[in-house]
Amino acid sequence: MRHKITQLVKHPLISGSTVVLAGSFVANLCHYFFNLSMGRLLTVADYGLLTTLISVVALFGIIPGSFTGIFARFTAKYKVNKDEEGYLSLLFNGGKFIFILSGIVFFILILTLPFIVSFLHINNVLLLVLIFILIVLSILFSLTGGVLQGEMRFFSLSILNMMGPFLKIVLGVGFLLLGLQIFGVVLGILLSSSIAVLISFYLVFKNHYKKTYKKQKDFFKEFRKYGTGFFLSSLGITILSSMDIILVRHFFGAIPSGQYAALSLMGKAIFYLSAPIYFVFFPLIAQKREKKEKLFETVVLAGVVIVLFSSALSFVYFLFPDLILSIFFPAKEYKMLAPYLGIYSLYILIFSLAMLLNNYFLSIGKTEIYKINLGCGVLFIILLSIFHASLFQVIAVLFSVSFLLLLFLSGVMYKELKN
């Protein structure tokens, strides 16, 4: 029994997750203090605007999110096979590609500026310009973040993950107290992200920038083949995880969107606390796949950890909603959220399991699931456009579509095991 416990603790999923969990705990603590400060220093309307702007970053985060996973998978593959040429090609060809892509995205965002301003009812255009630059930075980070993840350099990533939120508190709150209001908050977020991105590039390229390599013709062919499906799969997931705040802002207005943003933050705290599992799970499965090792046990272990963790927190959310509110958002404007906390946590539990299966399939290269993910994302937008009379309806749509996603992905897993 003792030997089994020791093996479990030493399992890469558990040991790696522990390192990431420690970094994530500090990072999430900083996020908590940041949001706590924003919830108290900003008006409900301004807090709703801030979370909407961050949701715009999260929505466009489909681009860096996809490429982070792609770079992580290729890095894991090249490292396991000791393919130095492939690795260097990934760094330099991938670097050129990601810089060009970030420039194109920024140009397109500037062109769509009038539409976004109108749709989200935002008066200060400069806020969106800062957000667009933040999106560009996140795209650039997808290269270095993906490489560090693929190499399983979780300590370095944990340091970066802690640094960004810490600087966000110092700069964002500092600028706010200096009287720069919400502009100062967004500027602080942008500067903190810039510093983390610069350091990540140093960590990845410091030992390789002088090296030469033979240009691989097959790299971009393989990259495109895997990347298209990965991008579309991630797009569906991102719609489910981020589009709700944007649509609530559009349909409900400033104050209700601020209240819903608070609900989303409290609920997704459950998801973020289990995020280290997904972070370690992806490159671990990719490496095991390359080594032709068994994968199912790792999937089951990750699933059990997520269910136990999320269920325990959901239980607390159901029984003690007022306590959760007093910890996150004690202001009286948020008291009306108490009835929603428990059911929102159930949506998070279902979504977390769907995310696990999504990461599994993407890590083994089964990108065909994009049809399921994208279909569920489109269905979510359609249903929420029809059913948005109350926050209960919004949560019901989230839960229903996430459950459908989990059901379909479980069906694919069942077929995979049978074969």
Protein backbone atom coordinates (compact mmCIF):
# COMPACT_ATOMS: atom_id res chain seq x y z
CA MET A 1 0.00 0.00 0.00
CA ARG A 2 2.79 2.36 0.96
CA HIS A 3 4.61 1.51 -2.28
CA LYS A 4 1.49 2.35 -4.33
CA ILE A 5 1.09 5.69 -2.57
CA THR A 6 4.77 6.49 -3.25
CA GLN A 7 4.32 5.59 -6.92
CA LEU A 8 1.22 7.77 -7.11
CA VAL A 9 3.02 10.76 -5.58
CA LYS A 10 5.94 10.30 -7.99
CA HIS A 11 3.65 10.00 -11.01
CA PRO A 12 4.58 12.81 -13.47
CA LEU A 13 0.97 13.99 -13.52
CA ILE A 14 0.95 14.42 -9.73
CA SER A 15 4.54 15.66 -9.22
CA GLY A 16 4.35 18.04 -12.18
CA SER A 17 0.92 19.24 -11.13
CA THR A 18 2.23 19.91 -7.63
CA VAL A 19 4.85 22.34 -8.99
CA VAL A 20 2.31 24.01 -11.25
CA LEU A 21 -0.28 23.97 -8.46
CA ALA A 22 2.08 25.81 -6.12
CA GLY A 23 2.71 28.47 -8.75
CA SER A 24 -0.96 28.60 -9.68
CA PHE A 25 -1.96 28.95 -6.04
CA VAL A 26 0.20 32.05 -5.65
CA ALA A 27 -0.92 33.36 -9.06
CA ASN A 28 -4.60 32.76 -8.25
CA LEU A 29 -4.13 34.40 -4.87
CA CYS A 30 -2.76 37.46 -6.67
CA HIS A 31 -5.68 37.30 -9.14
CA TYR A 32 -8.04 37.12 -6.17
CA PHE A 33 -6.54 40.20 -4.51
CA PHE A 34 -6.53 42.02 -7.84
CA ASN A 35 -10.21 41.26 -8.50
CA LEU A 36 -11.06 41.97 -4.87
CA SER A 37 -9.38 45.36 -5.20
CA MET A 38 -11.10 46.06 -8.50
CA GLY A 39 -14.48 44.99 -7.11
CA ARG A 40 -14.08 47.46 -4.26
CA LEU A 41 -12.26 50.34 -5.95
CA LEU A 42 -14.29 50.39 -9.16
CA THR A 43 -18.03 50.88 -9.53
CA VAL A 44 -20.11 47.83 -10.52
CA ALA A 45 -20.45 49.27 -14.04
CA ASP A 46 -16.69 49.84 -14.40
CA TYR A 47 -15.95 46.39 -12.98
CA GLY A 48 -18.32 44.95 -15.57
CA LEU A 49 -16.46 46.89 -18.27
CA LEU A 50 -13.10 45.62 -17.03
CA THR A 51 -14.22 41.98 -17.04
CA THR A 52 -15.75 42.46 -20.49
CA LEU A 53 -12.43 43.78 -21.81
CA ILE A 54 -10.63 40.82 -20.25
CA SER A 55 -13.21 38.51 -21.83
CA VAL A 56 -12.35 40.00 -25.21
CA VAL A 57 -8.74 38.95 -24.58
CA ALA A 58 -9.97 35.51 -23.51
CA LEU A 59 -12.14 35.18 -26.62
CA PHE A 60 -9.26 36.07 -28.94
CA GLY A 61 -7.19 33.83 -26.67
CA ILE A 62 -8.31 31.05 -28.99
CA ILE A 63 -5.33 32.05 -31.16
CA PRO A 64 -2.55 31.90 -28.53
CA GLY A 65 -4.34 29.04 -26.76
CA SER A 66 -4.29 26.95 -29.91
CA PHE A 67 -0.70 27.71 -30.83
CA THR A 68 0.52 27.13 -27.28
CA GLY A 69 -0.86 23.61 -27.47
CA ILE A 70 0.56 23.09 -30.96
CA PHE A 71 4.04 24.28 -29.96
CA ALA A 72 3.86 22.19 -26.77
CA ARG A 73 2.99 19.03 -28.69
CA PHE A 74 5.72 19.50 -31.33
CA THR A 75 8.27 20.36 -28.65
CA ALA A 76 7.40 17.21 -26.70
CA LYS A 77 7.66 15.17 -29.89
CA TYR A 78 11.06 16.57 -30.89
CA LYS A 79 12.48 16.27 -27.37
CA VAL A 80 11.41 12.64 -26.97
CA ASN A 81 12.88 11.75 -30.38
CA LYS A 82 15.99 13.90 -29.72
CA ASP A 83 15.37 15.73 -33.00
CA GLU A 84 17.52 18.86 -32.63
CA GLU A 85 16.90 19.97 -36.23
CA GLY A 86 13.16 19.76 -35.75
CA TYR A 87 13.37 21.62 -32.44
CA LEU A 88 15.42 24.49 -33.89
CA SER A 89 13.12 24.68 -36.90
CA LEU A 90 10.20 24.93 -34.49
CA LEU A 91 11.86 27.82 -32.62
CA PHE A 92 12.93 29.92 -35.57
CA ASN A 93 10.33 29.11 -38.22
CA GLY A 94 7.66 29.10 -35.56
CA GLY A 95 8.99 32.42 -34.26
CA LYS A 96 8.81 34.09 -37.67
CA PHE A 97 5.30 32.75 -38.20
CA ILE A 98 4.00 33.92 -34.82
CA PHE A 99 5.42 37.45 -35.25
CA ILE A 100 3.80 37.80 -38.69
CA LEU A 101 0.53 36.39 -37.37
CA SER A 102 0.45 38.81 -34.43
CA GLY A 103 0.90 41.75 -36.81
CA ILE A 104 -1.95 40.56 -39.06
CA VAL A 105 -4.27 40.05 -36.06
CA PHE A 106 -3.54 43.54 -34.73
CA PHE A 107 -4.30 45.08 -38.13
CA ILE A 108 -7.62 43.20 -38.37
CA LEU A 109 -8.57 44.21 -34.81
CA ILE A 110 -7.97 47.87 -35.60
CA LEU A 111 -10.23 47.56 -38.66
CA THR A 112 -13.02 46.03 -36.54
CA LEU A 113 -12.67 48.66 -33.79
CA PRO A 114 -15.88 50.60 -34.63
CA PHE A 115 -17.99 47.44 -34.57
CA ILE A 116 -16.58 46.23 -31.22
CA VAL A 117 -17.08 49.66 -29.64
CA SER A 118 -20.73 49.66 -30.74
CA PHE A 119 -21.46 46.04 -29.79
CA LEU A 120 -19.99 46.30 -26.28
CA HIS A 121 -21.18 49.88 -25.62
CA ILE A 122 -17.67 51.15 -24.82
CA ASN A 123 -16.96 54.87 -24.92
CA ASN A 124 -13.17 54.92 -24.44
CA VAL A 125 -11.59 53.63 -27.67
CA LEU A 126 -8.08 53.77 -26.17
CA LEU A 127 -9.03 50.99 -23.75
CA LEU A 128 -9.66 48.66 -26.66
CA VAL A 129 -6.36 49.63 -28.33
CA LEU A 130 -4.53 48.59 -25.14
CA ILE A 131 -6.52 45.35 -25.12
CA PHE A 132 -5.55 44.70 -28.76
CA ILE A 133 -1.86 45.09 -27.84
CA LEU A 134 -2.43 42.66 -24.96
CA ILE A 135 -3.88 40.15 -27.43
CA VAL A 136 -0.76 40.53 -29.61
CA LEU A 137 1.47 39.85 -26.59
CA SER A 138 -0.50 36.73 -25.74
CA ILE A 139 0.01 35.45 -29.29
CA LEU A 140 3.77 36.02 -29.02
CA PHE A 141 3.81 34.19 -25.68
CA SER A 142 2.21 31.13 -27.29
CA LEU A 143 5.57 30.22 -28.82
CA THR A 144 7.69 30.45 -25.69
CA GLY A 145 4.95 29.26 -23.35
CA GLY A 146 4.29 26.24 -25.57
CA VAL A 147 7.98 25.35 -25.79
CA LEU A 148 8.43 25.57 -22.01
CA GLN A 149 5.32 23.44 -21.50
CA GLY A 150 6.42 20.86 -24.06
CA GLU A 151 9.82 20.61 -22.38
CA MET A 152 7.96 20.20 -19.06
CA ARG A 153 9.88 23.14 -17.55
CA PHE A 154 7.10 23.69 -15.07
CA PHE A 155 9.20 25.58 -12.54
CA SER A 156 10.04 28.33 -15.05
CA LEU A 157 6.41 28.53 -16.17
CA SER A 158 5.25 28.71 -12.57
CA ILE A 159 7.56 31.66 -11.93
CA LEU A 160 6.19 33.44 -15.01
CA ASN A 161 2.62 32.62 -13.99
CA MET A 162 3.23 34.16 -10.56
CA MET A 163 5.08 37.20 -11.86
CA GLY A 164 2.33 38.44 -14.18
CA PRO A 165 -0.50 38.60 -11.59
CA PHE A 166 1.81 40.05 -8.94
CA LEU A 167 2.92 42.88 -11.21
CA LYS A 168 -0.71 43.34 -12.27
CA ILE A 169 -1.61 44.12 -8.65
CA VAL A 170 1.31 46.48 -8.15
CA LEU A 171 0.87 48.37 -11.43
CA GLY A 172 -2.89 48.11 -11.94
CA VAL A 173 -3.90 49.05 -8.41
CA GLY A 174 -1.09 51.61 -8.24
CA PHE A 175 -2.23 53.40 -11.39
CA LEU A 176 -5.82 53.27 -10.18
CA LEU A 177 -4.88 54.89 -6.87
CA LEU A 178 -2.97 57.56 -8.80
CA GLY A 179 -6.26 58.56 -10.41
CA LEU A 180 -5.90 56.93 -13.82
CA GLN A 181 -9.12 54.97 -13.22
CA ILE A 182 -9.91 52.01 -15.47
CA PHE A 183 -7.35 53.15 -18.08
CA GLY A 184 -4.61 52.79 -15.45
CA VAL A 185 -5.84 49.29 -14.57
CA VAL A 186 -5.70 48.12 -18.20
CA LEU A 187 -2.31 49.78 -18.67
CA GLY A 188 -1.01 47.96 -15.60
CA ILE A 189 -2.23 44.62 -16.96
CA LEU A 190 -0.53 45.34 -20.29
CA LEU A 191 2.82 46.28 -18.73
CA SER A 192 2.84 43.24 -16.42
CA SER A 193 2.19 40.94 -19.38
CA SER A 194 4.94 42.62 -21.42
CA ILE A 195 7.54 41.89 -18.74
CA ALA A 196 6.52 38.21 -18.47
CA VAL A 197 6.63 37.75 -22.25
CA LEU A 198 10.11 39.28 -22.55
CA ILE A 199 11.46 37.00 -19.83
CA SER A 200 9.88 33.93 -21.48
CA PHE A 201 11.68 34.72 -24.77
CA TYR A 202 14.98 35.01 -22.88
CA LEU A 203 14.45 31.62 -21.18
CA VAL A 204 13.70 29.84 -24.45
CA PHE A 205 16.20 31.46 -26.82
CA LYS A 206 19.18 32.20 -24.56
CA ASN A 207 20.98 28.95 -25.49
CA HIS A 208 19.82 28.71 -29.10
CA TYR A 209 19.87 32.12 -30.78
CA LYS A 210 23.38 31.55 -32.28
CA LYS A 211 22.64 28.04 -33.58
CA THR A 212 22.02 27.18 -37.21
CA TYR A 213 19.77 24.50 -38.70
CA LYS A 214 18.71 23.07 -42.01
CA LYS A 215 15.29 24.33 -43.00
CA GLN A 216 12.79 21.47 -42.82
CA LYS A 217 10.31 21.42 -45.69
CA ASP A 218 7.85 19.17 -43.89
CA PHE A 219 7.56 21.28 -40.75
CA PHE A 220 4.89 23.72 -41.93
CA LYS A 221 3.02 20.95 -43.77
CA GLU A 222 2.72 18.96 -40.55
CA PHE A 223 2.11 22.18 -38.61
CA ARG A 224 -0.82 23.18 -40.84
CA LYS A 225 -2.34 19.71 -40.82
CA TYR A 226 -2.41 19.55 -37.03
CA GLY A 227 -2.90 23.27 -36.39
CA THR A 228 -6.14 23.76 -38.32
CA GLY A 229 -8.04 21.12 -36.38
CA PHE A 230 -6.48 22.23 -33.10
CA PHE A 231 -7.49 25.84 -33.73
CA LEU A 232 -11.10 24.97 -34.56
CA SER A 233 -11.33 22.64 -31.56
CA SER A 234 -10.03 25.35 -29.27
CA LEU A 235 -12.40 27.89 -30.84
CA GLY A 236 -15.40 25.84 -29.75
CA ILE A 237 -14.07 25.52 -26.19
CA THR A 238 -13.21 29.23 -26.01
CA ILE A 239 -16.72 30.21 -27.10
CA LEU A 240 -18.15 28.14 -24.24
CA SER A 241 -15.74 29.53 -21.65
CA SER A 242 -15.66 33.22 -22.62
CA MET A 243 -18.52 34.24 -24.86
CA ASP A 244 -21.08 34.20 -22.04
CA ILE A 245 -19.68 37.36 -20.39
CA ILE A 246 -19.58 39.21 -23.71
CA LEU A 247 -23.16 38.23 -24.60
CA VAL A 248 -24.42 39.05 -21.11
CA ARG A 249 -22.82 42.49 -21.50
CA HIS A 250 -24.66 42.90 -24.81
CA PHE A 251 -28.07 41.62 -23.66
CA PHE A 252 -28.21 42.75 -20.00
CA GLY A 253 -26.31 46.05 -19.81
CA ALA A 254 -23.59 47.45 -17.55
CA ILE A 255 -24.60 46.62 -13.96
CA PRO A 256 -26.05 43.10 -14.53
CA SER A 257 -22.98 42.24 -16.62
CA GLY A 258 -20.76 43.34 -13.72
CA GLN A 259 -22.72 41.10 -11.35
CA TYR A 260 -22.56 38.17 -13.76
CA ALA A 261 -18.82 38.75 -14.21
CA ALA A 262 -18.45 38.37 -10.44
CA LEU A 263 -20.47 35.12 -10.54
CA SER A 264 -18.31 33.83 -13.37
CA LEU A 265 -15.12 34.65 -11.47
CA MET A 266 -16.30 32.85 -8.33
CA GLY A 267 -17.46 29.81 -10.28
CA LYS A 268 -14.41 29.56 -12.47
CA ALA A 269 -12.18 29.71 -9.40
CA ILE A 270 -12.99 25.99 -9.15
CA PHE A 271 -11.78 25.44 -12.70
CA TYR A 272 -8.63 27.53 -12.29
CA LEU A 273 -7.64 25.67 -9.12
CA SER A 274 -7.71 22.38 -11.04
CA ALA A 275 -6.01 23.93 -14.11
CA PRO A 276 -2.53 22.53 -13.20
CA ILE A 277 -3.88 19.06 -13.99
CA TYR A 278 -4.66 20.06 -17.59
CA PHE A 279 -1.39 21.94 -17.91
CA VAL A 280 0.74 18.91 -17.00
CA PHE A 281 -1.63 16.40 -18.60
CA PHE A 282 -1.21 17.71 -22.16
CA PRO A 283 2.59 17.36 -22.67
CA LEU A 284 2.65 14.20 -20.51
CA ILE A 285 0.12 12.43 -22.76
CA ALA A 286 1.91 13.72 -25.87
CA GLN A 287 5.23 12.29 -24.65
CA LYS A 288 3.65 8.99 -23.60
CA ARG A 289 2.06 8.75 -27.02
CA GLU A 290 5.43 9.19 -28.73
CA LYS A 291 6.94 6.52 -26.44
CA LYS A 292 3.95 4.22 -27.16
CA GLU A 293 3.13 3.92 -23.46
CA LYS A 294 -0.32 3.26 -21.97
CA LEU A 295 -2.48 6.38 -21.73
CA PHE A 296 -5.79 5.32 -20.21
CA GLU A 297 -4.53 5.08 -16.62
CA THR A 298 -3.28 8.67 -16.75
CA VAL A 299 -6.64 9.86 -18.12
CA VAL A 300 -8.52 8.06 -15.34
CA LEU A 301 -6.18 9.46 -12.67
CA ALA A 302 -6.66 13.01 -13.96
CA GLY A 303 -10.43 12.52 -14.15
CA VAL A 304 -10.67 11.22 -10.59
CA VAL A 305 -8.62 14.13 -9.21
CA ILE A 306 -10.77 16.69 -11.07
CA VAL A 307 -14.08 15.10 -9.98
CA LEU A 308 -13.07 14.85 -6.33
CA PHE A 309 -11.68 18.38 -6.21
CA SER A 310 -14.50 20.05 -8.14
CA SER A 311 -17.26 18.13 -6.33
CA ALA A 312 -15.90 19.13 -2.92
CA LEU A 313 -15.83 22.81 -3.87
CA SER A 314 -19.26 22.60 -5.53
CA PHE A 315 -20.62 21.19 -2.26
CA VAL A 316 -19.27 24.24 -0.43
CA TYR A 317 -20.78 26.58 -3.02
CA PHE A 318 -24.20 24.98 -2.56
CA LEU A 319 -24.17 25.00 1.24
CA PHE A 320 -22.36 28.26 1.97
CA PRO A 321 -23.00 30.74 -0.87
CA ASP A 322 -23.00 33.71 1.51
CA LEU A 323 -19.58 32.71 2.80
CA ILE A 324 -18.21 32.51 -0.76
CA LEU A 325 -19.67 35.93 -1.53
CA SER A 326 -18.17 37.42 1.63
CA ILE A 327 -14.74 36.13 0.57
CA PHE A 328 -14.90 37.27 -3.07
CA PHE A 329 -17.41 40.11 -3.34
CA PRO A 330 -18.79 41.37 -0.01
CA ALA A 331 -20.43 44.51 -1.45
CA LYS A 332 -24.23 44.57 -1.20
CA GLU A 333 -24.61 44.85 -5.01
CA TYR A 334 -23.44 41.23 -5.30
CA LYS A 335 -25.69 39.68 -2.62
CA MET A 336 -28.25 38.73 -5.27
CA LEU A 337 -25.78 36.18 -6.68
CA ALA A 338 -26.17 33.73 -3.76
CA PRO A 339 -28.89 31.56 -5.44
CA TYR A 340 -26.78 31.14 -8.56
CA LEU A 341 -23.49 29.96 -7.05
CA GLY A 342 -24.34 26.29 -6.53
CA ILE A 343 -25.81 25.63 -9.96
CA TYR A 344 -23.00 27.57 -11.65
CA SER A 345 -20.48 25.31 -9.89
CA LEU A 346 -22.20 22.25 -11.41
CA TYR A 347 -21.68 23.71 -14.87
CA ILE A 348 -17.99 24.15 -14.02
CA LEU A 349 -17.72 20.48 -12.97
CA ILE A 350 -19.21 19.26 -16.27
CA PHE A 351 -17.12 21.70 -18.30
CA SER A 352 -13.93 20.60 -16.47
CA LEU A 353 -14.46 16.96 -17.45
CA ALA A 354 -15.16 17.96 -21.05
CA MET A 355 -11.93 19.98 -21.04
CA LEU A 356 -9.98 16.94 -19.85
CA LEU A 357 -11.23 14.79 -22.74
CA ASN A 358 -10.65 17.66 -25.16
CA ASN A 359 -7.02 17.96 -24.02
CA TYR A 360 -6.55 14.21 -24.29
CA PHE A 361 -7.69 14.03 -27.90
CA LEU A 362 -5.69 17.10 -28.94
CA SER A 363 -2.53 15.81 -27.24
CA ILE A 364 -2.69 12.55 -29.25
CA GLY A 365 -3.38 14.44 -32.48
CA LYS A 366 -7.06 13.52 -32.83
CA THR A 367 -8.11 16.98 -33.98
CA GLU A 368 -11.25 15.71 -35.71
CA ILE A 369 -13.12 16.52 -32.52
CA TYR A 370 -13.23 20.12 -33.77
CA LYS A 371 -16.57 19.22 -35.37
CA ILE A 372 -18.01 18.45 -31.92
CA ASN A 373 -16.42 21.43 -30.15
CA LEU A 374 -17.29 23.96 -32.83
CA GLY A 375 -20.80 22.59 -33.16
CA CYS A 376 -21.38 22.98 -29.42
CA GLY A 377 -19.93 26.50 -29.52
CA VAL A 378 -22.30 27.56 -32.31
CA LEU A 379 -25.23 25.90 -30.52
CA PHE A 380 -24.35 27.84 -27.35
CA ILE A 381 -24.45 31.20 -29.17
CA ILE A 382 -27.77 30.34 -30.82
CA LEU A 383 -29.42 29.16 -27.59
CA LEU A 384 -28.14 32.10 -25.54
CA SER A 385 -29.36 34.51 -28.22
CA ILE A 386 -32.84 33.00 -27.74
CA PHE A 387 -32.87 32.25 -24.00
CA HIS A 388 -31.51 35.17 -21.97
CA ALA A 389 -34.50 36.35 -19.93
CA SER A 390 -32.59 35.78 -16.68
CA LEU A 391 -29.23 34.66 -15.34
CA PHE A 392 -30.80 31.28 -14.57
CA GLN A 393 -31.43 30.81 -18.28
CA VAL A 394 -27.84 31.79 -19.09
CA ILE A 395 -26.51 29.18 -16.65
CA ALA A 396 -28.99 26.57 -17.92
CA VAL A 397 -27.73 27.07 -21.48
CA LEU A 398 -24.10 26.81 -20.31
CA PHE A 399 -24.82 23.60 -18.38
CA SER A 400 -26.85 21.97 -21.17
CA VAL A 401 -24.33 22.64 -23.93
CA SER A 402 -21.36 21.61 -21.74
CA PHE A 403 -23.13 18.37 -20.83
CA LEU A 404 -23.78 17.72 -24.51
CA LEU A 405 -20.09 18.35 -25.26
CA LEU A 406 -19.05 15.92 -22.51
CA LEU A 407 -21.48 13.31 -23.83
CA PHE A 408 -20.16 13.51 -27.38
CA LEU A 409 -16.49 13.45 -26.32
CA SER A 410 -17.18 10.48 -24.04
CA GLY A 411 -18.68 8.69 -27.04
CA VAL A 412 -15.51 9.31 -29.02
CA MET A 413 -13.46 8.01 -26.08
CA TYR A 414 -15.60 4.86 -25.92
CA LYS A 415 -14.98 4.18 -29.61
CA GLU A 416 -11.27 4.83 -29.09
CA LEU A 417 -11.08 2.25 -26.31
CA LYS A 418 -13.01 -0.34 -28.35
CA ASN A 419 -10.52 -0.01 -31.19
